[in-house]
PDB file of all heavy atoms in Angstrom:
ATOM      1  N   GLU A   1       0.820  -1.204   0.000  1.00  0.00           N
ATOM      2  CA  GLU A   1       0.000   0.000   0.000  1.00  0.00           C
ATOM      3  C   GLU A   1       0.861   1.264   0.000  1.00  0.00           C
ATOM      4  O   GLU A   1       0.390   2.339  -0.392  1.00  0.00           O
ATOM      5  CB  GLU A   1      -0.933  -0.003   1.217  1.00  0.00           C
ATOM      6  CG  GLU A   1      -2.032  -1.048   1.129  1.00  0.00           C
ATOM      7  CD  GLU A   1      -2.889  -1.109   2.383  1.00  0.00           C
ATOM      8  OE1 GLU A   1      -2.501  -0.475   3.396  1.00  0.00           O
ATOM      9  OE2 GLU A   1      -3.943  -1.784   2.363  1.00  0.00           O
ATOM     10  N   SER A   2       2.120   1.116   0.438  1.00  0.00           N
ATOM     11  CA  SER A   2       3.057   2.246   0.439  1.00  0.00           C
ATOM     12  C   SER A   2       3.769   2.391  -0.902  1.00  0.00           C
ATOM     13  O   SER A   2       4.632   3.262  -1.063  1.00  0.00           O
ATOM     14  CB  SER A   2       4.089   2.071   1.555  1.00  0.00           C
ATOM     15  OG  SER A   2       3.461   2.050   2.829  1.00  0.00           O
ATOM     16  N   GLY A   3       3.434   1.513  -1.856  1.00  0.00           N
ATOM     17  CA  GLY A   3       3.961   1.670  -3.204  1.00  0.00           C
ATOM     18  C   GLY A   3       5.095   0.739  -3.585  1.00  0.00           C
ATOM     19  O   GLY A   3       5.698   0.906  -4.655  1.00  0.00           O
ATOM     20  N   TYR A   4       5.402  -0.253  -2.738  1.00  0.00           N
ATOM     21  CA  TYR A   4       6.504  -1.168  -3.036  1.00  0.00           C
ATOM     22  C   TYR A   4       5.989  -2.498  -3.573  1.00  0.00           C
ATOM     23  O   TYR A   4       4.880  -2.938  -3.253  1.00  0.00           O
ATOM     24  CB  TYR A   4       7.335  -1.430  -1.766  1.00  0.00           C
ATOM     25  CG  TYR A   4       7.972  -0.190  -1.198  1.00  0.00           C
ATOM     26  CD1 TYR A   4       7.434   0.420  -0.057  1.00  0.00           C
ATOM     27  CD2 TYR A   4       9.090   0.379  -1.771  1.00  0.00           C
ATOM     28  CE1 TYR A   4       8.010   1.565   0.480  1.00  0.00           C
ATOM     29  CE2 TYR A   4       9.671   1.524  -1.250  1.00  0.00           C
ATOM     30  CZ  TYR A   4       9.129   2.113  -0.124  1.00  0.00           C
ATOM     31  OH  TYR A   4       9.693   3.245   0.392  1.00  0.00           O
ATOM     32  N   THR A   5       6.829  -3.146  -4.369  1.00  0.00           N
ATOM     33  CA  THR A   5       6.591  -4.526  -4.755  1.00  0.00           C
ATOM     34  C   THR A   5       7.152  -5.398  -3.646  1.00  0.00           C
ATOM     35  O   THR A   5       8.321  -5.227  -3.260  1.00  0.00           O
ATOM     36  CB  THR A   5       7.293  -4.861  -6.080  1.00  0.00           C
ATOM     37  OG1 THR A   5       6.767  -4.015  -7.114  1.00  0.00           O
ATOM     38  CG2 THR A   5       7.082  -6.314  -6.467  1.00  0.00           C
ATOM     39  N   VAL A   6       6.363  -6.317  -3.117  1.00  0.00           N
ATOM     40  CA  VAL A   6       6.774  -7.063  -1.920  1.00  0.00           C
ATOM     41  C   VAL A   6       6.614  -8.565  -2.118  1.00  0.00           C
ATOM     42  O   VAL A   6       5.563  -9.030  -2.566  1.00  0.00           O
ATOM     43  CB  VAL A   6       5.966  -6.630  -0.677  1.00  0.00           C
ATOM     44  CG1 VAL A   6       6.476  -7.352   0.574  1.00  0.00           C
ATOM     45  CG2 VAL A   6       6.033  -5.121  -0.489  1.00  0.00           C
ATOM     46  N   ASP A   7       7.668  -9.313  -1.778  1.00  0.00           N
ATOM     47  CA  ASP A   7       7.600 -10.771  -1.683  1.00  0.00           C
ATOM     48  C   ASP A   7       7.787 -11.156  -0.225  1.00  0.00           C
ATOM     49  O   ASP A   7       8.509 -10.476   0.520  1.00  0.00           O
ATOM     50  CB  ASP A   7       8.684 -11.437  -2.532  1.00  0.00           C
ATOM     51  CG  ASP A   7       8.384 -11.345  -4.019  1.00  0.00           C
ATOM     52  OD1 ASP A   7       7.200 -11.222  -4.371  1.00  0.00           O
ATOM     53  OD2 ASP A   7       9.338 -11.389  -4.821  1.00  0.00           O
ATOM     54  N   LEU A   8       7.153 -12.246   0.182  1.00  0.00           N
ATOM     55  CA  LEU A   8       7.213 -12.692   1.575  1.00  0.00           C
ATOM     56  C   LEU A   8       7.733 -14.122   1.653  1.00  0.00           C
ATOM     57  O   LEU A   8       7.210 -15.014   0.977  1.00  0.00           O
ATOM     58  CB  LEU A   8       5.823 -12.603   2.210  1.00  0.00           C
ATOM     59  CG  LEU A   8       5.659 -13.155   3.636  1.00  0.00           C
ATOM     60  CD1 LEU A   8       6.546 -12.405   4.617  1.00  0.00           C
ATOM     61  CD2 LEU A   8       4.186 -13.080   4.050  1.00  0.00           C
ATOM     62  N   ALA A   9       8.761 -14.331   2.477  1.00  0.00           N
ATOM     63  CA  ALA A   9       9.286 -15.675   2.743  1.00  0.00           C
ATOM     64  C   ALA A   9       9.013 -15.999   4.203  1.00  0.00           C
ATOM     65  O   ALA A   9       9.206 -15.148   5.081  1.00  0.00           O
ATOM     66  CB  ALA A   9      10.780 -15.739   2.451  1.00  0.00           C
ATOM     67  N   ARG A  10       8.602 -17.240   4.474  1.00  0.00           N
ATOM     68  CA  ARG A  10       8.230 -17.634   5.832  1.00  0.00           C
ATOM     69  C   ARG A  10       9.376 -18.303   6.586  1.00  0.00           C
ATOM     70  O   ARG A  10       9.284 -18.488   7.797  1.00  0.00           O
ATOM     71  CB  ARG A  10       7.047 -18.601   5.785  1.00  0.00           C
ATOM     72  CG  ARG A  10       5.805 -18.055   5.083  1.00  0.00           C
ATOM     73  CD  ARG A  10       5.095 -16.996   5.893  1.00  0.00           C
ATOM     74  NE  ARG A  10       3.803 -16.643   5.291  1.00  0.00           N
ATOM     75  CZ  ARG A  10       2.990 -15.709   5.772  1.00  0.00           C
ATOM     76  NH1 ARG A  10       3.329 -15.035   6.852  1.00  0.00           N
ATOM     77  NH2 ARG A  10       1.838 -15.441   5.155  1.00  0.00           N
ATOM     78  N   THR A  11      10.434 -18.706   5.884  1.00  0.00           N
ATOM     79  CA  THR A  11      11.582 -19.347   6.529  1.00  0.00           C
ATOM     80  C   THR A  11      12.869 -18.689   6.066  1.00  0.00           C
ATOM     81  O   THR A  11      12.919 -18.064   4.992  1.00  0.00           O
ATOM     82  CB  THR A  11      11.658 -20.855   6.206  1.00  0.00           C
ATOM     83  OG1 THR A  11      11.986 -21.022   4.811  1.00  0.00           O
ATOM     84  CG2 THR A  11      10.335 -21.546   6.519  1.00  0.00           C
ATOM     85  N   GLY A  12      13.930 -18.869   6.862  1.00  0.00           N
ATOM     86  CA  GLY A  12      15.216 -18.305   6.492  1.00  0.00           C
ATOM     87  C   GLY A  12      15.766 -18.911   5.219  1.00  0.00           C
ATOM     88  O   GLY A  12      16.332 -18.209   4.371  1.00  0.00           O
ATOM     89  N   ALA A  13      15.609 -20.224   5.072  1.00  0.00           N
ATOM     90  CA  ALA A  13      16.132 -20.910   3.886  1.00  0.00           C
ATOM     91  C   ALA A  13      15.445 -20.409   2.618  1.00  0.00           C
ATOM     92  O   ALA A  13      16.106 -20.132   1.603  1.00  0.00           O
ATOM     93  CB  ALA A  13      15.947 -22.421   4.037  1.00  0.00           C
ATOM     94  N   ASP A  14      14.117 -20.271   2.676  1.00  0.00           N
ATOM     95  CA  ASP A  14      13.386 -19.772   1.512  1.00  0.00           C
ATOM     96  C   ASP A  14      13.765 -18.316   1.217  1.00  0.00           C
ATOM     97  O   ASP A  14      13.949 -17.931   0.049  1.00  0.00           O
ATOM     98  CB  ASP A  14      11.874 -19.852   1.753  1.00  0.00           C
ATOM     99  CG  ASP A  14      11.353 -21.276   1.705  1.00  0.00           C
ATOM    100  OD1 ASP A  14      12.075 -22.156   1.191  1.00  0.00           O
ATOM    101  OD2 ASP A  14      10.231 -21.515   2.197  1.00  0.00           O
ATOM    102  N   GLY A  15      13.893 -17.521   2.270  1.00  0.00           N
ATOM    103  CA  GLY A  15      14.248 -16.122   2.083  1.00  0.00           C
ATOM    104  C   GLY A  15      15.628 -15.956   1.482  1.00  0.00           C
ATOM    105  O   GLY A  15      15.839 -15.125   0.584  1.00  0.00           O
ATOM    106  N   LEU A  16      16.581 -16.749   1.961  1.00  0.00           N
ATOM    107  CA  LEU A  16      17.941 -16.660   1.429  1.00  0.00           C
ATOM    108  C   LEU A  16      17.966 -17.049  -0.043  1.00  0.00           C
ATOM    109  O   LEU A  16      18.623 -16.392  -0.861  1.00  0.00           O
ATOM    110  CB  LEU A  16      18.866 -17.569   2.238  1.00  0.00           C
ATOM    111  CG  LEU A  16      20.332 -17.607   1.803  1.00  0.00           C
ATOM    112  CD1 LEU A  16      20.954 -16.217   1.849  1.00  0.00           C
ATOM    113  CD2 LEU A  16      21.124 -18.570   2.687  1.00  0.00           C
ATOM    114  N   HIS A  17      17.242 -18.110  -0.375  1.00  0.00           N
ATOM    115  CA  HIS A  17      17.186 -18.549  -1.775  1.00  0.00           C
ATOM    116  C   HIS A  17      16.594 -17.452  -2.660  1.00  0.00           C
ATOM    117  O   HIS A  17      17.126 -17.157  -3.748  1.00  0.00           O
ATOM    118  CB  HIS A  17      16.346 -19.815  -1.886  1.00  0.00           C
ATOM    119  CG  HIS A  17      16.154 -20.296  -3.302  1.00  0.00           C
ATOM    120  ND1 HIS A  17      17.149 -20.930  -4.019  1.00  0.00           N
ATOM    121  CD2 HIS A  17      15.078 -20.212  -4.136  1.00  0.00           C
ATOM    122  CE1 HIS A  17      16.704 -21.212  -5.230  1.00  0.00           C
ATOM    123  NE2 HIS A  17      15.458 -20.791  -5.325  1.00  0.00           N
ATOM    124  N   MET A  18      15.509 -16.840  -2.205  1.00  0.00           N
ATOM    125  CA  MET A  18      14.873 -15.779  -2.989  1.00  0.00           C
ATOM    126  C   MET A  18      15.791 -14.578  -3.137  1.00  0.00           C
ATOM    127  O   MET A  18      15.884 -13.968  -4.209  1.00  0.00           O
ATOM    128  CB  MET A  18      13.557 -15.374  -2.329  1.00  0.00           C
ATOM    129  CG  MET A  18      12.498 -16.467  -2.374  1.00  0.00           C
ATOM    130  SD  MET A  18      11.059 -16.130  -1.303  1.00  0.00           S
ATOM    131  CE  MET A  18      10.330 -14.719  -2.154  1.00  0.00           C
ATOM    132  N   ALA A  19      16.504 -14.218  -2.059  1.00  0.00           N
ATOM    133  CA  ALA A  19      17.407 -13.066  -2.100  1.00  0.00           C
ATOM    134  C   ALA A  19      18.570 -13.290  -3.046  1.00  0.00           C
ATOM    135  O   ALA A  19      19.073 -12.346  -3.671  1.00  0.00           O
ATOM    136  CB  ALA A  19      17.927 -12.764  -0.693  1.00  0.00           C
ATOM    137  N   MET A  20      19.007 -14.536  -3.160  1.00  0.00           N
ATOM    138  CA  MET A  20      20.129 -14.863  -4.040  1.00  0.00           C
ATOM    139  C   MET A  20      19.696 -14.939  -5.510  1.00  0.00           C
ATOM    140  O   MET A  20      20.463 -14.619  -6.418  1.00  0.00           O
ATOM    141  CB  MET A  20      20.743 -16.206  -3.623  1.00  0.00           C
ATOM    142  CG  MET A  20      21.422 -16.195  -2.276  1.00  0.00           C
ATOM    143  SD  MET A  20      22.885 -15.132  -2.255  1.00  0.00           S
ATOM    144  CE  MET A  20      23.616 -15.651  -0.675  1.00  0.00           C
ATOM    145  N   GLU A  21      18.464 -15.392  -5.736  1.00  0.00           N
ATOM    146  CA  GLU A  21      18.024 -15.651  -7.102  1.00  0.00           C
ATOM    147  C   GLU A  21      17.317 -14.473  -7.762  1.00  0.00           C
ATOM    148  O   GLU A  21      17.254 -14.399  -8.988  1.00  0.00           O
ATOM    149  CB  GLU A  21      17.085 -16.874  -7.110  1.00  0.00           C
ATOM    150  CG  GLU A  21      17.749 -18.178  -6.683  1.00  0.00           C
ATOM    151  CD  GLU A  21      18.862 -18.589  -7.620  1.00  0.00           C
ATOM    152  OE1 GLU A  21      18.706 -18.402  -8.848  1.00  0.00           O
ATOM    153  OE2 GLU A  21      19.897 -19.095  -7.127  1.00  0.00           O
ATOM    154  N   GLN A  22      16.784 -13.551  -6.962  1.00  0.00           N
ATOM    155  CA  GLN A  22      16.021 -12.444  -7.535  1.00  0.00           C
ATOM    156  C   GLN A  22      16.655 -11.105  -7.153  1.00  0.00           C
ATOM    157  O   GLN A  22      17.472 -11.028  -6.227  1.00  0.00           O
ATOM    158  CB  GLN A  22      14.570 -12.508  -7.040  1.00  0.00           C
ATOM    159  CG  GLN A  22      13.871 -13.818  -7.413  1.00  0.00           C
ATOM    160  CD  GLN A  22      12.444 -13.875  -6.933  1.00  0.00           C
ATOM    161  OE1 GLN A  22      11.674 -12.929  -7.154  1.00  0.00           O
ATOM    162  NE2 GLN A  22      12.064 -14.966  -6.277  1.00  0.00           N
ATOM    163  N   ASN A  23      16.259 -10.070  -7.856  1.00  0.00           N
ATOM    164  CA  ASN A  23      16.822  -8.738  -7.627  1.00  0.00           C
ATOM    165  C   ASN A  23      15.895  -7.910  -6.736  1.00  0.00           C
ATOM    166  O   ASN A  23      14.829  -7.470  -7.187  1.00  0.00           O
ATOM    167  CB  ASN A  23      17.047  -8.016  -8.961  1.00  0.00           C
ATOM    168  CG  ASN A  23      18.132  -8.664  -9.786  1.00  0.00           C
ATOM    169  OD1 ASN A  23      19.152  -9.092  -9.262  1.00  0.00           O
ATOM    170  ND2 ASN A  23      17.917  -8.742 -11.097  1.00  0.00           N
ATOM    171  N   TYR A  24      16.311  -7.726  -5.502  1.00  0.00           N
ATOM    172  CA  TYR A  24      15.557  -6.893  -4.562  1.00  0.00           C
ATOM    173  C   TYR A  24      16.356  -5.640  -4.242  1.00  0.00           C
ATOM    174  O   TYR A  24      17.595  -5.633  -4.297  1.00  0.00           O
ATOM    175  CB  TYR A  24      15.269  -7.664  -3.277  1.00  0.00           C
ATOM    176  CG  TYR A  24      14.334  -8.835  -3.469  1.00  0.00           C
ATOM    177  CD1 TYR A  24      14.814 -10.138  -3.514  1.00  0.00           C
ATOM    178  CD2 TYR A  24      12.965  -8.634  -3.612  1.00  0.00           C
ATOM    179  CE1 TYR A  24      13.960 -11.215  -3.704  1.00  0.00           C
ATOM    180  CE2 TYR A  24      12.097  -9.705  -3.797  1.00  0.00           C
ATOM    181  CZ  TYR A  24      12.606 -10.998  -3.845  1.00  0.00           C
ATOM    182  OH  TYR A  24      11.758 -12.053  -4.033  1.00  0.00           O
ATOM    183  N   ASP A  25      15.627  -4.589  -3.899  1.00  0.00           N
ATOM    184  CA  ASP A  25      16.284  -3.338  -3.521  1.00  0.00           C
ATOM    185  C   ASP A  25      16.559  -3.272  -2.026  1.00  0.00           C
ATOM    186  O   ASP A  25      17.405  -2.489  -1.586  1.00  0.00           O
ATOM    187  CB  ASP A  25      15.411  -2.150  -3.934  1.00  0.00           C
ATOM    188  CG  ASP A  25      15.228  -2.082  -5.446  1.00  0.00           C
ATOM    189  OD1 ASP A  25      16.209  -1.764  -6.138  1.00  0.00           O
ATOM    190  OD2 ASP A  25      14.116  -2.369  -5.922  1.00  0.00           O
ATOM    191  N   LEU A  26      15.847  -4.098  -1.238  1.00  0.00           N
ATOM    192  CA  LEU A  26      16.008  -4.074   0.215  1.00  0.00           C
ATOM    193  C   LEU A  26      15.390  -5.345   0.805  1.00  0.00           C
ATOM    194  O   LEU A  26      14.439  -5.890   0.257  1.00  0.00           O
ATOM    195  CB  LEU A  26      15.348  -2.826   0.803  1.00  0.00           C
ATOM    196  CG  LEU A  26      15.466  -2.586   2.305  1.00  0.00           C
ATOM    197  CD1 LEU A  26      15.705  -1.091   2.597  1.00  0.00           C
ATOM    198  CD2 LEU A  26      14.183  -3.036   3.017  1.00  0.00           C
ATOM    199  N   VAL A  27      15.942  -5.780   1.937  1.00  0.00           N
ATOM    200  CA  VAL A  27      15.420  -6.946   2.650  1.00  0.00           C
ATOM    201  C   VAL A  27      15.058  -6.544   4.076  1.00  0.00           C
ATOM    202  O   VAL A  27      15.838  -5.869   4.755  1.00  0.00           O
ATOM    203  CB  VAL A  27      16.455  -8.092   2.700  1.00  0.00           C
ATOM    204  CG1 VAL A  27      15.934  -9.257   3.552  1.00  0.00           C
ATOM    205  CG2 VAL A  27      16.778  -8.582   1.292  1.00  0.00           C
ATOM    206  N   VAL A  28      13.861  -6.939   4.509  1.00  0.00           N
ATOM    207  CA  VAL A  28      13.454  -6.801   5.906  1.00  0.00           C
ATOM    208  C   VAL A  28      13.544  -8.196   6.510  1.00  0.00           C
ATOM    209  O   VAL A  28      12.844  -9.109   6.075  1.00  0.00           O
ATOM    210  CB  VAL A  28      12.021  -6.248   6.034  1.00  0.00           C
ATOM    211  CG1 VAL A  28      11.605  -6.199   7.504  1.00  0.00           C
ATOM    212  CG2 VAL A  28      11.924  -4.860   5.404  1.00  0.00           C
ATOM    213  N   LEU A  29      14.419  -8.372   7.491  1.00  0.00           N
ATOM    214  CA  LEU A  29      14.802  -9.701   7.964  1.00  0.00           C
ATOM    215  C   LEU A  29      14.542  -9.881   9.460  1.00  0.00           C
ATOM    216  O   LEU A  29      15.070  -9.128  10.284  1.00  0.00           O
ATOM    217  CB  LEU A  29      16.286  -9.938   7.659  1.00  0.00           C
ATOM    218  CG  LEU A  29      16.941 -11.214   8.159  1.00  0.00           C
ATOM    219  CD1 LEU A  29      16.292 -12.444   7.544  1.00  0.00           C
ATOM    220  CD2 LEU A  29      18.445 -11.189   7.852  1.00  0.00           C
ATOM    221  N   ASP A  30      13.761 -10.900   9.806  1.00  0.00           N
ATOM    222  CA  ASP A  30      13.553 -11.254  11.208  1.00  0.00           C
ATOM    223  C   ASP A  30      14.727 -12.115  11.675  1.00  0.00           C
ATOM    224  O   ASP A  30      15.330 -12.837  10.872  1.00  0.00           O
ATOM    225  CB  ASP A  30      12.233 -12.015  11.362  1.00  0.00           C
ATOM    226  CG  ASP A  30      11.884 -12.280  12.818  1.00  0.00           C
ATOM    227  OD1 ASP A  30      12.381 -11.543  13.693  1.00  0.00           O
ATOM    228  OD2 ASP A  30      11.124 -13.223  13.080  1.00  0.00           O
ATOM    229  N   VAL A  31      15.057 -12.044  12.953  1.00  0.00           N
ATOM    230  CA  VAL A  31      16.159 -12.850  13.488  1.00  0.00           C
ATOM    231  C   VAL A  31      15.690 -14.244  13.867  1.00  0.00           C
ATOM    232  O   VAL A  31      16.310 -15.247  13.500  1.00  0.00           O
ATOM    233  CB  VAL A  31      16.795 -12.157  14.723  1.00  0.00           C
ATOM    234  CG1 VAL A  31      17.793 -13.098  15.390  1.00  0.00           C
ATOM    235  CG2 VAL A  31      17.496 -10.877  14.299  1.00  0.00           C
ATOM    236  N   MET A  32      14.595 -14.340  14.603  1.00  0.00           N
ATOM    237  CA  MET A  32      14.120 -15.629  15.106  1.00  0.00           C
ATOM    238  C   MET A  32      13.303 -16.343  14.035  1.00  0.00           C
ATOM    239  O   MET A  32      12.086 -16.195  13.955  1.00  0.00           O
ATOM    240  CB  MET A  32      13.294 -15.415  16.370  1.00  0.00           C
ATOM    241  CG  MET A  32      14.049 -14.698  17.478  1.00  0.00           C
ATOM    242  SD  MET A  32      15.540 -15.590  17.991  1.00  0.00           S
ATOM    243  CE  MET A  32      14.797 -17.008  18.800  1.00  0.00           C
ATOM    244  N   LEU A  33      13.999 -17.105  13.217  1.00  0.00           N
ATOM    245  CA  LEU A  33      13.369 -17.842  12.139  1.00  0.00           C
ATOM    246  C   LEU A  33      13.578 -19.343  12.341  1.00  0.00           C
ATOM    247  O   LEU A  33      14.594 -19.752  12.903  1.00  0.00           O
ATOM    248  CB  LEU A  33      13.959 -17.436  10.779  1.00  0.00           C
ATOM    249  CG  LEU A  33      13.734 -15.992  10.324  1.00  0.00           C
ATOM    250  CD1 LEU A  33      14.622 -15.672   9.142  1.00  0.00           C
ATOM    251  CD2 LEU A  33      12.272 -15.766   9.978  1.00  0.00           C
ATOM    252  N   PRO A  34      12.642 -20.168  11.893  1.00  0.00           N
ATOM    253  CA  PRO A  34      12.825 -21.618  12.025  1.00  0.00           C
ATOM    254  C   PRO A  34      13.933 -22.127  11.106  1.00  0.00           C
ATOM    255  O   PRO A  34      14.083 -21.647   9.984  1.00  0.00           O
ATOM    256  CB  PRO A  34      11.452 -22.179  11.594  1.00  0.00           C
ATOM    257  CG  PRO A  34      10.883 -21.126  10.699  1.00  0.00           C
ATOM    258  CD  PRO A  34      11.365 -19.823  11.255  1.00  0.00           C
ATOM    259  N   GLY A  35      14.717 -23.091  11.588  1.00  0.00           N
ATOM    260  CA  GLY A  35      15.800 -23.642  10.763  1.00  0.00           C
ATOM    261  C   GLY A  35      16.934 -22.649  10.634  1.00  0.00           C
ATOM    262  O   GLY A  35      17.641 -22.352  11.606  1.00  0.00           O
ATOM    263  N   THR A  36      17.108 -22.096   9.466  1.00  0.00           N
ATOM    264  CA  THR A  36      18.139 -21.085   9.224  1.00  0.00           C
ATOM    265  C   THR A  36      17.684 -19.761   9.808  1.00  0.00           C
ATOM    266  O   THR A  36      16.703 -19.170   9.338  1.00  0.00           O
ATOM    267  CB  THR A  36      18.389 -20.932   7.712  1.00  0.00           C
ATOM    268  OG1 THR A  36      18.719 -22.203   7.140  1.00  0.00           O
ATOM    269  CG2 THR A  36      19.537 -19.962   7.453  1.00  0.00           C
ATOM    270  N   ASP A  37      18.383 -19.281  10.861  1.00  0.00           N
ATOM    271  CA  ASP A  37      17.923 -18.049  11.516  1.00  0.00           C
ATOM    272  C   ASP A  37      18.436 -16.804  10.799  1.00  0.00           C
ATOM    273  O   ASP A  37      19.186 -16.883   9.818  1.00  0.00           O
ATOM    274  CB  ASP A  37      18.311 -18.038  12.996  1.00  0.00           C
ATOM    275  CG  ASP A  37      19.819 -18.017  13.221  1.00  0.00           C
ATOM    276  OD1 ASP A  37      20.562 -17.597  12.315  1.00  0.00           O
ATOM    277  OD2 ASP A  37      20.256 -18.430  14.314  1.00  0.00           O
ATOM    278  N   GLY A  38      18.016 -15.653  11.302  1.00  0.00           N
ATOM    279  CA  GLY A  38      18.381 -14.396  10.667  1.00  0.00           C
ATOM    280  C   GLY A  38      19.868 -14.121  10.639  1.00  0.00           C
ATOM    281  O   GLY A  38      20.390 -13.533   9.691  1.00  0.00           O
ATOM    282  N   TRP A  39      20.577 -14.532  11.698  1.00  0.00           N
ATOM    283  CA  TRP A  39      22.036 -14.350  11.727  1.00  0.00           C
ATOM    284  C   TRP A  39      22.679 -15.086  10.550  1.00  0.00           C
ATOM    285  O   TRP A  39      23.561 -14.557   9.863  1.00  0.00           O
ATOM    286  CB  TRP A  39      22.628 -14.877  13.027  1.00  0.00           C
ATOM    287  CG  TRP A  39      22.051 -14.362  14.304  1.00  0.00           C
ATOM    288  CD1 TRP A  39      21.577 -15.113  15.343  1.00  0.00           C
ATOM    289  CD2 TRP A  39      21.899 -12.990  14.736  1.00  0.00           C
ATOM    290  NE1 TRP A  39      21.135 -14.311  16.364  1.00  0.00           N
ATOM    291  CE2 TRP A  39      21.322 -13.002  16.022  1.00  0.00           C
ATOM    292  CE3 TRP A  39      22.185 -11.764  14.132  1.00  0.00           C
ATOM    293  CZ2 TRP A  39      21.039 -11.844  16.726  1.00  0.00           C
ATOM    294  CZ3 TRP A  39      21.899 -10.598  14.825  1.00  0.00           C
ATOM    295  CH2 TRP A  39      21.325 -10.642  16.103  1.00  0.00           C
ATOM    296  N   GLN A  40      22.258 -16.342  10.354  1.00  0.00           N
ATOM    297  CA  GLN A  40      22.824 -17.163   9.283  1.00  0.00           C
ATOM    298  C   GLN A  40      22.456 -16.625   7.909  1.00  0.00           C
ATOM    299  O   GLN A  40      23.282 -16.623   6.993  1.00  0.00           O
ATOM    300  CB  GLN A  40      22.346 -18.610   9.439  1.00  0.00           C
ATOM    301  CG  GLN A  40      22.855 -19.288  10.702  1.00  0.00           C
ATOM    302  CD  GLN A  40      22.158 -20.610  10.977  1.00  0.00           C
ATOM    303  OE1 GLN A  40      20.938 -20.698  10.973  1.00  0.00           O
ATOM    304  NE2 GLN A  40      22.936 -21.652  11.216  1.00  0.00           N
ATOM    305  N   VAL A  41      21.226 -16.156   7.773  1.00  0.00           N
ATOM    306  CA  VAL A  41      20.808 -15.557   6.505  1.00  0.00           C
ATOM    307  C   VAL A  41      21.644 -14.325   6.205  1.00  0.00           C
ATOM    308  O   VAL A  41      22.142 -14.139   5.095  1.00  0.00           O
ATOM    309  CB  VAL A  41      19.310 -15.177   6.546  1.00  0.00           C
ATOM    310  CG1 VAL A  41      18.926 -14.378   5.302  1.00  0.00           C
ATOM    311  CG2 VAL A  41      18.450 -16.423   6.645  1.00  0.00           C
ATOM    312  N   MET A  42      21.843 -13.476   7.214  1.00  0.00           N
ATOM    313  CA  MET A  42      22.613 -12.250   7.030  1.00  0.00           C
ATOM    314  C   MET A  42      24.048 -12.556   6.621  1.00  0.00           C
ATOM    315  O   MET A  42      24.604 -11.945   5.700  1.00  0.00           O
ATOM    316  CB  MET A  42      22.611 -11.459   8.348  1.00  0.00           C
ATOM    317  CG  MET A  42      23.298 -10.100   8.288  1.00  0.00           C
ATOM    318  SD  MET A  42      22.326  -8.844   7.445  1.00  0.00           S
ATOM    319  CE  MET A  42      23.250  -8.685   5.925  1.00  0.00           C
TER     320      MET A  42
END
């Protein structure tokens, strides 16, 4: 609603894969994630 294109990942592993494979301008990252946590993703 603020004008951005947004994708949502529910796990660290999925988020990392999406960040590596697609072109994003910014990532909003939670730390406490199941499996691969935010520290590992970062």
